[in-house]
Amino acid sequence: MRGRQRDAAGGRRDLRGLVATILTASTLGLGLACGGVSVDPGTHLQPLCDANAGLPIEGELVAVDRAANPIQSGIALQVSAAETRVDGQVVADGAALKTKLEERAQTAESISKYSAQPFDGRIVVIATPDTPASRIKEVLVAAARAGLLKADFILASNQPWDLPDYPDPDYAVQFKAQLDGVAAEERQMIAAQEIDSAVSLCPGAKAAFAAVANASPEMKCALIARGMEEALPTCLATNGDVVLTQIQVLSEPTSEFRPHVIQTGIDPKARPIIVSPDTPWSELAGKVVERSGQGIWLL
């Protein structure tokens, strides 16, 4: 199975880590002279929220010749040959991963009490093509021991994204040029300063960014969209098109293609998939696709 990846210049810059930086960045000026917003913020941002679903989908995904389907909320795990991340934080394998998943599950259950979609013990695995089968197995073992018995695997479908045009395309080119080719921490600071300057005369927009600082990843985009929908139309001295363009550049998906989600159960008693520990995810994914809707286990 091959991988699909969008040009890095158009890739998503992580909005999760940026929020905290925005809150501490110094205000650079009095904002942009031209105010107003030309599109409905909530309507404009909704496709982007659907696109990233609050998940840290970054870089290349294994591709499958299947249609896109919806992503359900769950505990996000980024898995690669080098490391495993839970909601963006590097976690060691084994007992440490089990403990982290248990902690994250407790948080998800608490949050889901106020959500229309209750937490159902689901992990969402985003693996790079070179991830060895041994690391995928570690994830399944840790999840099972933590009592999490549903595993969704994110692949790239054969359907491209249909995302909205940037409200301010000229600014989008300028903003991307500032962000490209710099280290992650510096990129976050540049983006934070740009946003801080753009919303300096809009307390509601600043409050919206503050509100998502401690929100769970799957909730961040929806909260930002709701906050901008309420704030930007009332901030006539703020260039809302620039603010929405900033959010879009930072949250658009890295993959050109919409995700295809393989939903499985985690079942140590299931008929095992027998693979070598060093079998890459690019090869293993096809076997997992064949077990869609079934319990899986690796040997």
C-alpha atoms as a PDB file:
ATOM      1  CA  MET A   1       0.000   0.000   0.000  1.00  0.00           C
ATOM      2  CA  ARG A   2       1.384   3.386  -0.912  1.00  0.00           C
ATOM      3  CA  GLY A   3       1.456   6.587   1.070  1.00  0.00           C
ATOM      4  CA  ARG A   4      -0.165   9.893   0.251  1.00  0.00           C
ATOM      5  CA  GLN A   5       1.055  13.234   1.464  1.00  0.00           C
ATOM      6  CA  ARG A   6       0.261  16.827   0.731  1.00  0.00           C
ATOM      7  CA  ASP A   7       2.959  19.363  -0.174  1.00  0.00           C
ATOM      8  CA  ALA A   8       4.517  20.435   3.120  1.00  0.00           C
ATOM      9  CA  ALA A   9       3.931  24.095   2.201  1.00  0.00           C
ATOM     10  CA  GLY A  10       0.200  23.520   2.481  1.00  0.00           C
ATOM     11  CA  GLY A  11       0.315  21.240   5.498  1.00  0.00           C
ATOM     12  CA  ARG A  12      -1.399  21.762   8.813  1.00  0.00           C
ATOM     13  CA  ARG A  13       0.598  23.596  11.468  1.00  0.00           C
ATOM     14  CA  ASP A  14      -0.473  22.200  14.806  1.00  0.00           C
ATOM     15  CA  LEU A  15      -3.122  24.431  16.356  1.00  0.00           C
ATOM     16  CA  ARG A  16      -3.009  22.559  19.663  1.00  0.00           C
ATOM     17  CA  GLY A  17       0.463  23.661  20.750  1.00  0.00           C
ATOM     18  CA  LEU A  18      -0.049  27.113  19.356  1.00  0.00           C
ATOM     19  CA  VAL A  19      -2.873  28.080  21.692  1.00  0.00           C
ATOM     20  CA  ALA A  20      -0.727  28.232  24.822  1.00  0.00           C
ATOM     21  CA  THR A  21       1.878  30.281  22.969  1.00  0.00           C
ATOM     22  CA  ILE A  22      -0.743  32.798  21.880  1.00  0.00           C
ATOM     23  CA  LEU A  23      -1.776  33.325  25.465  1.00  0.00           C
ATOM     24  CA  THR A  24       1.737  34.404  26.448  1.00  0.00           C
ATOM     25  CA  ALA A  25       2.808  36.212  23.285  1.00  0.00           C
ATOM     26  CA  SER A  26       3.162  39.961  23.598  1.00  0.00           C
ATOM     27  CA  THR A  27       0.777  42.091  21.597  1.00  0.00           C
ATOM     28  CA  LEU A  28       2.627  43.599  18.648  1.00  0.00           C
ATOM     29  CA  GLY A  29       0.289  46.379  17.655  1.00  0.00           C
ATOM     30  CA  LEU A  30      -3.237  47.695  17.479  1.00  0.00           C
ATOM     31  CA  GLY A  31      -4.433  45.156  14.939  1.00  0.00           C
ATOM     32  CA  LEU A  32      -5.143  45.516  11.246  1.00  0.00           C
ATOM     33  CA  ALA A  33      -6.750  48.673   9.971  1.00  0.00           C
ATOM     34  CA  CYS A  34      -9.377  47.023   7.774  1.00  0.00           C
ATOM     35  CA  GLY A  35     -12.135  45.381   9.803  1.00  0.00           C
ATOM     36  CA  GLY A  36     -15.029  43.031   9.144  1.00  0.00           C
ATOM     37  CA  VAL A  37     -15.420  39.477   7.954  1.00  0.00           C
ATOM     38  CA  SER A  38     -16.688  38.421   4.506  1.00  0.00           C
ATOM     39  CA  VAL A  39     -17.786  34.867   5.362  1.00  0.00           C
ATOM     40  CA  ASP A  40     -19.703  33.236   8.191  1.00  0.00           C
ATOM     41  CA  PRO A  41     -16.937  32.018  10.549  1.00  0.00           C
ATOM     42  CA  GLY A  42     -18.732  28.913  11.756  1.00  0.00           C
ATOM     43  CA  THR A  43     -19.738  27.788   8.274  1.00  0.00           C
ATOM     44  CA  HIS A  44     -16.260  28.472   6.920  1.00  0.00           C
ATOM     45  CA  LEU A  45     -14.403  26.581   9.659  1.00  0.00           C
ATOM     46  CA  GLN A  46     -16.730  23.560   9.820  1.00  0.00           C
ATOM     47  CA  PRO A  47     -15.099  21.703   6.869  1.00  0.00           C
ATOM     48  CA  LEU A  48     -11.715  22.200   8.523  1.00  0.00           C
ATOM     49  CA  CYS A  49     -13.018  20.785  11.804  1.00  0.00           C
ATOM     50  CA  ASP A  50     -14.372  17.820   9.863  1.00  0.00           C
ATOM     51  CA  ALA A  51     -10.994  17.484   8.147  1.00  0.00           C
ATOM     52  CA  ASN A  52      -8.789  17.247  11.212  1.00  0.00           C
ATOM     53  CA  ALA A  53     -11.400  16.026  13.711  1.00  0.00           C
ATOM     54  CA  GLY A  54      -9.097  17.266  16.440  1.00  0.00           C
ATOM     55  CA  LEU A  55      -6.628  14.531  15.560  1.00  0.00           C
ATOM     56  CA  PRO A  56      -2.883  14.999  15.112  1.00  0.00           C
ATOM     57  CA  ILE A  57      -2.809  13.730  11.519  1.00  0.00           C
ATOM     58  CA  GLU A  58       0.574  14.898  10.286  1.00  0.00           C
ATOM     59  CA  GLY A  59       2.691  13.767   7.379  1.00  0.00           C
ATOM     60  CA  GLU A  60       2.203  10.687   5.238  1.00  0.00           C
ATOM     61  CA  LEU A  61      -0.608   8.160   5.614  1.00  0.00           C
ATOM     62  CA  VAL A  62      -0.820   4.703   4.111  1.00  0.00           C
ATOM     63  CA  ALA A  63      -3.264   4.897   1.204  1.00  0.00           C
ATOM     64  CA  VAL A  64      -6.126   2.554   0.391  1.00  0.00           C
ATOM     65  CA  ASP A  65      -8.390   2.560  -2.654  1.00  0.00           C
ATOM     66  CA  ARG A  66     -11.552   3.108  -0.667  1.00  0.00           C
ATOM     67  CA  ALA A  67     -13.964   5.958  -0.088  1.00  0.00           C
ATOM     68  CA  ALA A  68     -13.633   8.280   2.869  1.00  0.00           C
ATOM     69  CA  ASN A  69     -15.665   7.688   6.005  1.00  0.00           C
ATOM     70  CA  PRO A  70     -16.155   9.614   9.266  1.00  0.00           C
ATOM     71  CA  ILE A  71     -13.678   9.678  12.139  1.00  0.00           C
ATOM     72  CA  GLN A  72     -15.143   9.029  15.573  1.00  0.00           C
ATOM     73  CA  SER A  73     -13.826  10.601  18.743  1.00  0.00           C
ATOM     74  CA  GLY A  74     -11.254   8.621  20.676  1.00  0.00           C
ATOM     75  CA  ILE A  75      -7.816   8.737  22.259  1.00  0.00           C
ATOM     76  CA  ALA A  76      -5.371   9.697  19.522  1.00  0.00           C
ATOM     77  CA  LEU A  77      -2.084   7.812  19.200  1.00  0.00           C
ATOM     78  CA  GLN A  78       0.582   8.900  16.731  1.00  0.00           C
ATOM     79  CA  VAL A  79       2.801   5.910  16.071  1.00  0.00           C
ATOM     80  CA  SER A  80       6.057   5.860  14.127  1.00  0.00           C
ATOM     81  CA  ALA A  81       9.245   3.841  13.963  1.00  0.00           C
ATOM     82  CA  ALA A  82      10.809   6.230  16.474  1.00  0.00           C
ATOM     83  CA  GLU A  83       8.104   6.798  19.087  1.00  0.00           C
ATOM     84  CA  THR A  84       4.517   6.645  20.269  1.00  0.00           C
ATOM     85  CA  ARG A  85       2.612   9.801  21.175  1.00  0.00           C
ATOM     86  CA  VAL A  86      -0.655  10.022  23.092  1.00  0.00           C
ATOM     87  CA  ASP A  87      -2.442  13.281  22.295  1.00  0.00           C
ATOM     88  CA  GLY A  88       0.875  14.688  21.132  1.00  0.00           C
ATOM     89  CA  GLN A  89       2.951  13.631  24.159  1.00  0.00           C
ATOM     90  CA  VAL A  90       5.754  11.080  23.767  1.00  0.00           C
ATOM     91  CA  VAL A  91       5.121   8.009  25.920  1.00  0.00           C
ATOM     92  CA  ALA A  92       7.307   4.951  26.488  1.00  0.00           C
ATOM     93  CA  ASP A  93       5.933   1.540  25.573  1.00  0.00           C
ATOM     94  CA  GLY A  94       4.666  -1.040  28.037  1.00  0.00           C
ATOM     95  CA  ALA A  95       3.459  -0.033  31.494  1.00  0.00           C
ATOM     96  CA  ALA A  96       3.951   3.692  30.852  1.00  0.00           C
ATOM     97  CA  LEU A  97       1.718   3.566  27.786  1.00  0.00           C
ATOM     98  CA  LYS A  98      -0.959   1.600  29.658  1.00  0.00           C
ATOM     99  CA  THR A  99      -0.937   4.158  32.495  1.00  0.00           C
ATOM    100  CA  LYS A 100      -1.150   7.083  30.077  1.00  0.00           C
ATOM    101  CA  LEU A 101      -4.080   5.505  28.257  1.00  0.00           C
ATOM    102  CA  GLU A 102      -5.884   4.894  31.551  1.00  0.00           C
ATOM    103  CA  GLU A 103      -5.400   8.535  32.551  1.00  0.00           C
ATOM    104  CA  ARG A 104      -6.545   9.789  29.179  1.00  0.00           C
ATOM    105  CA  ALA A 105      -9.597   7.498  29.272  1.00  0.00           C
ATOM    106  CA  GLN A 106     -10.664   8.933  32.630  1.00  0.00           C
ATOM    107  CA  THR A 107     -10.419  12.450  31.213  1.00  0.00           C
ATOM    108  CA  ALA A 108     -12.339  11.479  28.078  1.00  0.00           C
ATOM    109  CA  GLU A 109     -15.101   9.883  30.138  1.00  0.00           C
ATOM    110  CA  SER A 110     -15.437  13.014  32.273  1.00  0.00           C
ATOM    111  CA  ILE A 111     -15.610  15.291  29.236  1.00  0.00           C
ATOM    112  CA  SER A 112     -18.032  13.052  27.370  1.00  0.00           C
ATOM    113  CA  LYS A 113     -20.646  13.522  30.090  1.00  0.00           C
ATOM    114  CA  TYR A 114     -21.225  16.950  28.552  1.00  0.00           C
ATOM    115  CA  SER A 115     -21.006  15.755  24.942  1.00  0.00           C
ATOM    116  CA  ALA A 116     -23.549  14.286  22.558  1.00  0.00           C
ATOM    117  CA  GLN A 117     -21.073  11.504  21.799  1.00  0.00           C
ATOM    118  CA  PRO A 118     -20.080   9.476  24.894  1.00  0.00           C
ATOM    119  CA  PHE A 119     -16.590   8.025  25.122  1.00  0.00           C
ATOM    120  CA  ASP A 120     -16.750   4.350  24.169  1.00  0.00           C
ATOM    121  CA  GLY A 121     -13.243   3.134  24.963  1.00  0.00           C
ATOM    122  CA  ARG A 122     -11.870   3.845  21.497  1.00  0.00           C
ATOM    123  CA  ILE A 123      -8.284   4.531  20.481  1.00  0.00           C
ATOM    124  CA  VAL A 124      -7.514   6.173  17.129  1.00  0.00           C
ATOM    125  CA  VAL A 125      -4.184   5.067  15.663  1.00  0.00           C
ATOM    126  CA  ILE A 126      -2.369   7.287  13.174  1.00  0.00           C
ATOM    127  CA  ALA A 127       0.693   5.314  12.045  1.00  0.00           C
ATOM    128  CA  THR A 128       3.399   6.331   9.596  1.00  0.00           C
ATOM    129  CA  PRO A 129       4.072   3.845   6.770  1.00  0.00           C
ATOM    130  CA  ASP A 130       7.424   2.792   8.281  1.00  0.00           C
ATOM    131  CA  THR A 131       6.004   1.943  11.719  1.00  0.00           C
ATOM    132  CA  PRO A 132       7.001  -1.651  12.560  1.00  0.00           C
ATOM    133  CA  ALA A 133       4.386  -4.230  13.498  1.00  0.00           C
ATOM    134  CA  SER A 134       6.053  -4.584  16.904  1.00  0.00           C
ATOM    135  CA  ARG A 135       5.057  -1.023  17.819  1.00  0.00           C
ATOM    136  CA  ILE A 136       1.491  -1.525  16.596  1.00  0.00           C
ATOM    137  CA  LYS A 137       1.336  -4.650  18.782  1.00  0.00           C
ATOM    138  CA  GLU A 138       2.616  -2.669  21.806  1.00  0.00           C
ATOM    139  CA  VAL A 139      -0.244  -0.213  21.286  1.00  0.00           C
ATOM    140  CA  LEU A 140      -2.857  -2.972  21.107  1.00  0.00           C
ATOM    141  CA  VAL A 141      -1.471  -4.733  24.192  1.00  0.00           C
ATOM    142  CA  ALA A 142      -1.372  -1.534  26.250  1.00  0.00           C
ATOM    143  CA  ALA A 143      -4.875  -0.541  25.153  1.00  0.00           C
ATOM    144  CA  ALA A 144      -6.290  -3.965  26.026  1.00  0.00           C
ATOM    145  CA  ARG A 145      -4.678  -3.837  29.477  1.00  0.00           C
ATOM    146  CA  ALA A 146      -6.146  -0.371  29.972  1.00  0.00           C
ATOM    147  CA  GLY A 147      -9.615  -1.689  29.127  1.00  0.00           C
ATOM    148  CA  LEU A 148      -9.825   0.107  25.764  1.00  0.00           C
ATOM    149  CA  LEU A 149     -11.196  -2.444  23.313  1.00  0.00           C
ATOM    150  CA  LYS A 150     -11.899  -0.470  20.140  1.00  0.00           C
ATOM    151  CA  ALA A 151      -9.172   0.550  17.695  1.00  0.00           C
ATOM    152  CA  ASP A 152      -9.644   2.746  14.643  1.00  0.00           C
ATOM    153  CA  PHE A 153      -6.776   2.995  12.146  1.00  0.00           C
ATOM    154  CA  ILE A 154      -6.518   6.104   9.962  1.00  0.00           C
ATOM    155  CA  LEU A 155      -5.560   5.628   6.310  1.00  0.00           C
ATOM    156  CA  ALA A 156      -5.747   7.917   3.279  1.00  0.00           C
ATOM    157  CA  SER A 157      -8.796   7.326   1.057  1.00  0.00           C
ATOM    158  CA  ASN A 158      -9.103   7.861  -2.692  1.00  0.00           C
ATOM    159  CA  GLN A 159     -11.176  11.033  -2.190  1.00  0.00           C
ATOM    160  CA  PRO A 160      -9.457  14.445  -2.058  1.00  0.00           C
ATOM    161  CA  TRP A 161     -10.523  17.120   0.393  1.00  0.00           C
ATOM    162  CA  ASP A 162     -12.904  19.833  -0.776  1.00  0.00           C
ATOM    163  CA  LEU A 163     -11.805  22.667   1.488  1.00  0.00           C
ATOM    164  CA  PRO A 164     -12.942  26.299   1.261  1.00  0.00           C
ATOM    165  CA  ASP A 165     -10.824  29.002  -0.345  1.00  0.00           C
ATOM    166  CA  TYR A 166      -8.863  31.210   2.013  1.00  0.00           C
ATOM    167  CA  PRO A 167     -10.894  34.316   2.955  1.00  0.00           C
ATOM    168  CA  ASP A 168      -7.725  36.359   2.317  1.00  0.00           C
ATOM    169  CA  PRO A 169      -5.625  34.419  -0.245  1.00  0.00           C
ATOM    170  CA  ASP A 170      -2.892  37.054  -0.468  1.00  0.00           C
ATOM    171  CA  TYR A 171      -2.375  36.968   3.280  1.00  0.00           C
ATOM    172  CA  ALA A 172      -2.357  33.136   3.177  1.00  0.00           C
ATOM    173  CA  VAL A 173       0.659  33.217   0.840  1.00  0.00           C
ATOM    174  CA  GLN A 174       2.419  35.699   3.132  1.00  0.00           C
ATOM    175  CA  PHE A 175       1.593  33.766   6.311  1.00  0.00           C
ATOM    176  CA  LYS A 176       2.763  30.427   4.898  1.00  0.00           C
ATOM    177  CA  ALA A 177       6.001  32.032   3.742  1.00  0.00           C
ATOM    178  CA  GLN A 178       6.654  33.189   7.310  1.00  0.00           C
ATOM    179  CA  LEU A 179       6.037  29.709   8.718  1.00  0.00           C
ATOM    180  CA  ASP A 180       7.836  27.544   6.206  1.00  0.00           C
ATOM    181  CA  GLY A 181      11.402  26.425   6.739  1.00  0.00           C
ATOM    182  CA  VAL A 182      11.659  27.317  10.428  1.00  0.00           C
ATOM    183  CA  ALA A 183      11.859  25.126  13.525  1.00  0.00           C
ATOM    184  CA  ALA A 184       8.593  24.078  15.173  1.00  0.00           C
ATOM    185  CA  GLU A 185       8.972  26.264  18.284  1.00  0.00           C
ATOM    186  CA  GLU A 186       9.895  29.325  16.228  1.00  0.00           C
ATOM    187  CA  ARG A 187       6.995  28.626  13.859  1.00  0.00           C
ATOM    188  CA  GLN A 188       4.586  28.541  16.789  1.00  0.00           C
ATOM    189  CA  MET A 189       5.902  31.830  18.117  1.00  0.00           C
ATOM    190  CA  ILE A 190       5.617  33.522  14.719  1.00  0.00           C
ATOM    191  CA  ALA A 191       2.060  32.266  14.311  1.00  0.00           C
ATOM    192  CA  ALA A 192       1.151  33.293  17.863  1.00  0.00           C
ATOM    193  CA  GLN A 193       2.453  36.816  17.321  1.00  0.00           C
ATOM    194  CA  GLU A 194       0.539  37.149  14.054  1.00  0.00           C
ATOM    195  CA  ILE A 195      -2.712  35.985  15.641  1.00  0.00           C
ATOM    196  CA  ASP A 196      -2.176  38.057  18.783  1.00  0.00           C
ATOM    197  CA  SER A 197      -1.747  41.141  16.624  1.00  0.00           C
ATOM    198  CA  ALA A 198      -4.762  40.325  14.471  1.00  0.00           C
ATOM    199  CA  VAL A 199      -7.164  39.849  17.413  1.00  0.00           C
ATOM    200  CA  SER A 200      -5.751  42.564  19.678  1.00  0.00           C
ATOM    201  CA  LEU A 201      -8.917  44.685  19.307  1.00  0.00           C
ATOM    202  CA  CYS A 202     -11.327  41.751  19.628  1.00  0.00           C
ATOM    203  CA  PRO A 203     -11.673  40.570  23.243  1.00  0.00           C
ATOM    204  CA  GLY A 204     -14.135  37.871  22.233  1.00  0.00           C
ATOM    205  CA  ALA A 205     -11.670  36.289  19.812  1.00  0.00           C
ATOM    206  CA  LYS A 206      -8.864  36.432  22.385  1.00  0.00           C
ATOM    207  CA  ALA A 207     -11.173  34.802  24.927  1.00  0.00           C
ATOM    208  CA  ALA A 208     -12.017  32.054  22.429  1.00  0.00           C
ATOM    209  CA  PHE A 209      -8.341  31.149  22.037  1.00  0.00           C
ATOM    210  CA  ALA A 210      -7.944  31.172  25.827  1.00  0.00           C
ATOM    211  CA  ALA A 211     -10.951  28.893  26.239  1.00  0.00           C
ATOM    212  CA  VAL A 212      -9.434  26.120  24.117  1.00  0.00           C
ATOM    213  CA  ALA A 213      -6.055  26.101  25.869  1.00  0.00           C
ATOM    214  CA  ASN A 214      -6.984  23.180  28.125  1.00  0.00           C
ATOM    215  CA  ALA A 215      -9.652  21.566  25.951  1.00  0.00           C
ATOM    216  CA  SER A 216      -9.241  18.015  24.685  1.00  0.00           C
ATOM    217  CA  PRO A 217      -7.820  17.788  21.139  1.00  0.00           C
ATOM    218  CA  GLU A 218     -11.088  16.608  19.621  1.00  0.00           C
ATOM    219  CA  MET A 219     -12.892  19.670  21.006  1.00  0.00           C
ATOM    220  CA  LYS A 220     -10.440  22.427  20.065  1.00  0.00           C
ATOM    221  CA  CYS A 221     -11.524  23.081  16.487  1.00  0.00           C
ATOM    222  CA  ALA A 222     -15.227  23.133  17.341  1.00  0.00           C
ATOM    223  CA  LEU A 223     -14.607  25.541  20.228  1.00  0.00           C
ATOM    224  CA  ILE A 224     -12.519  27.862  18.055  1.00  0.00           C
ATOM    225  CA  ALA A 225     -15.192  27.804  15.329  1.00  0.00           C
ATOM    226  CA  ARG A 226     -17.930  28.623  17.822  1.00  0.00           C
ATOM    227  CA  GLY A 227     -15.858  31.359  19.422  1.00  0.00           C
ATOM    228  CA  MET A 228     -15.036  33.021  16.089  1.00  0.00           C
ATOM    229  CA  GLU A 229     -18.665  32.767  14.998  1.00  0.00           C
ATOM    230  CA  GLU A 230     -19.703  34.744  18.063  1.00  0.00           C
ATOM    231  CA  ALA A 231     -16.794  37.186  18.218  1.00  0.00           C
ATOM    232  CA  LEU A 232     -15.677  38.244  14.743  1.00  0.00           C
ATOM    233  CA  PRO A 233     -18.963  39.715  13.419  1.00  0.00           C
ATOM    234  CA  THR A 234     -19.025  42.093  16.401  1.00  0.00           C
ATOM    235  CA  CYS A 235     -15.373  43.189  16.128  1.00  0.00           C
ATOM    236  CA  LEU A 236     -15.576  45.741  13.343  1.00  0.00           C
ATOM    237  CA  ALA A 237     -12.015  46.969  13.893  1.00  0.00           C
ATOM    238  CA  THR A 238     -10.611  43.462  13.430  1.00  0.00           C
ATOM    239  CA  ASN A 239      -9.882  41.943  10.021  1.00  0.00           C
ATOM    240  CA  GLY A 240     -11.858  38.748  10.448  1.00  0.00           C
ATOM    241  CA  ASP A 241     -10.787  37.402   7.065  1.00  0.00           C
ATOM    242  CA  VAL A 242      -7.162  37.472   8.204  1.00  0.00           C
ATOM    243  CA  VAL A 243      -8.007  35.707  11.480  1.00  0.00           C
ATOM    244  CA  LEU A 244      -9.952  32.973   9.685  1.00  0.00           C
ATOM    245  CA  THR A 245      -7.128  32.573   7.157  1.00  0.00           C
ATOM    246  CA  GLN A 246      -4.659  32.156  10.014  1.00  0.00           C
ATOM    247  CA  ILE A 247      -6.798  29.448  11.604  1.00  0.00           C
ATOM    248  CA  GLN A 248      -7.250  27.711   8.253  1.00  0.00           C
ATOM    249  CA  VAL A 249      -3.525  27.640   7.460  1.00  0.00           C
ATOM    250  CA  LEU A 250      -2.800  26.251  10.928  1.00  0.00           C
ATOM    251  CA  SER A 251      -5.517  23.602  10.941  1.00  0.00           C
ATOM    252  CA  GLU A 252      -5.832  22.344   7.369  1.00  0.00           C
ATOM    253  CA  PRO A 253      -4.910  18.660   6.888  1.00  0.00           C
ATOM    254  CA  THR A 254      -1.483  17.615   5.706  1.00  0.00           C
ATOM    255  CA  SER A 255      -2.902  14.848   3.554  1.00  0.00           C
ATOM    256  CA  GLU A 256      -4.416  15.757   0.196  1.00  0.00           C
ATOM    257  CA  PHE A 257      -6.902  12.933   0.641  1.00  0.00           C
ATOM    258  CA  ARG A 258      -9.694  12.460   3.137  1.00  0.00           C
ATOM    259  CA  PRO A 259      -9.240   9.686   5.725  1.00  0.00           C
ATOM    260  CA  HIS A 260     -10.532   6.174   5.467  1.00  0.00           C
ATOM    261  CA  VAL A 261     -11.061   4.738   8.927  1.00  0.00           C
ATOM    262  CA  ILE A 262     -10.676   1.025   9.617  1.00  0.00           C
ATOM    263  CA  GLN A 263     -12.716   0.177  12.715  1.00  0.00           C
ATOM    264  CA  THR A 264     -11.689  -2.925  14.633  1.00  0.00           C
ATOM    265  CA  GLY A 265     -12.018  -4.459  18.045  1.00  0.00           C
ATOM    266  CA  ILE A 266      -9.017  -5.313  20.213  1.00  0.00           C
ATOM    267  CA  ASP A 267      -9.397  -8.975  21.058  1.00  0.00           C
ATOM    268  CA  PRO A 268      -6.512 -11.167  22.296  1.00  0.00           C
ATOM    269  CA  LYS A 269      -8.694 -14.216  21.521  1.00  0.00           C
ATOM    270  CA  ALA A 270      -9.290 -13.231  17.897  1.00  0.00           C
ATOM    271  CA  ARG A 271      -7.689 -15.160  15.060  1.00  0.00           C
ATOM    272  CA  PRO A 272      -4.268 -13.478  15.074  1.00  0.00           C
ATOM    273  CA  ILE A 273      -2.565 -11.659  12.249  1.00  0.00           C
ATOM    274  CA  ILE A 274       0.849 -13.319  12.118  1.00  0.00           C
ATOM    275  CA  VAL A 275       3.589 -10.951  10.974  1.00  0.00           C
ATOM    276  CA  SER A 276       7.276 -10.369  11.535  1.00  0.00           C
ATOM    277  CA  PRO A 277       7.982  -7.731  14.226  1.00  0.00           C
ATOM    278  CA  ASP A 278       9.711  -5.527  11.665  1.00  0.00           C
ATOM    279  CA  THR A 279       6.919  -5.701   9.065  1.00  0.00           C
ATOM    280  CA  PRO A 280       6.131  -2.070   8.213  1.00  0.00           C
ATOM    281  CA  TRP A 281       2.655  -0.633   8.640  1.00  0.00           C
ATOM    282  CA  SER A 282       2.555  -0.046   4.863  1.00  0.00           C
ATOM    283  CA  GLU A 283       2.366  -3.849   4.482  1.00  0.00           C
ATOM    284  CA  LEU A 284       0.461  -4.703   7.654  1.00  0.00           C
ATOM    285  CA  ALA A 285      -2.331  -2.183   6.928  1.00  0.00           C
ATOM    286  CA  GLY A 286      -3.724  -4.338   4.120  1.00  0.00           C
ATOM    287  CA  LYS A 287      -4.196  -7.257   6.527  1.00  0.00           C
ATOM    288  CA  VAL A 288      -5.942  -4.961   9.014  1.00  0.00           C
ATOM    289  CA  VAL A 289      -8.232  -3.655   6.251  1.00  0.00           C
ATOM    290  CA  GLU A 290      -9.316  -7.255   5.639  1.00  0.00           C
ATOM    291  CA  ARG A 291     -10.387  -7.487   9.301  1.00  0.00           C
ATOM    292  CA  SER A 292     -12.464  -4.287   9.262  1.00  0.00           C
ATOM    293  CA  GLY A 293     -15.354  -4.600  11.688  1.00  0.00           C
ATOM    294  CA  GLN A 294     -13.761  -7.602  13.423  1.00  0.00           C
ATOM    295  CA  GLY A 295     -11.585  -8.219  16.430  1.00  0.00           C
ATOM    296  CA  ILE A 296      -7.828  -8.208  15.754  1.00  0.00           C
ATOM    297  CA  TRP A 297      -4.637  -9.279  17.490  1.00  0.00           C
ATOM    298  CA  LEU A 298      -1.049  -9.522  16.334  1.00  0.00           C
ATOM    299  CA  LEU A 299       1.431 -12.335  16.776  1.00  0.00           C
END
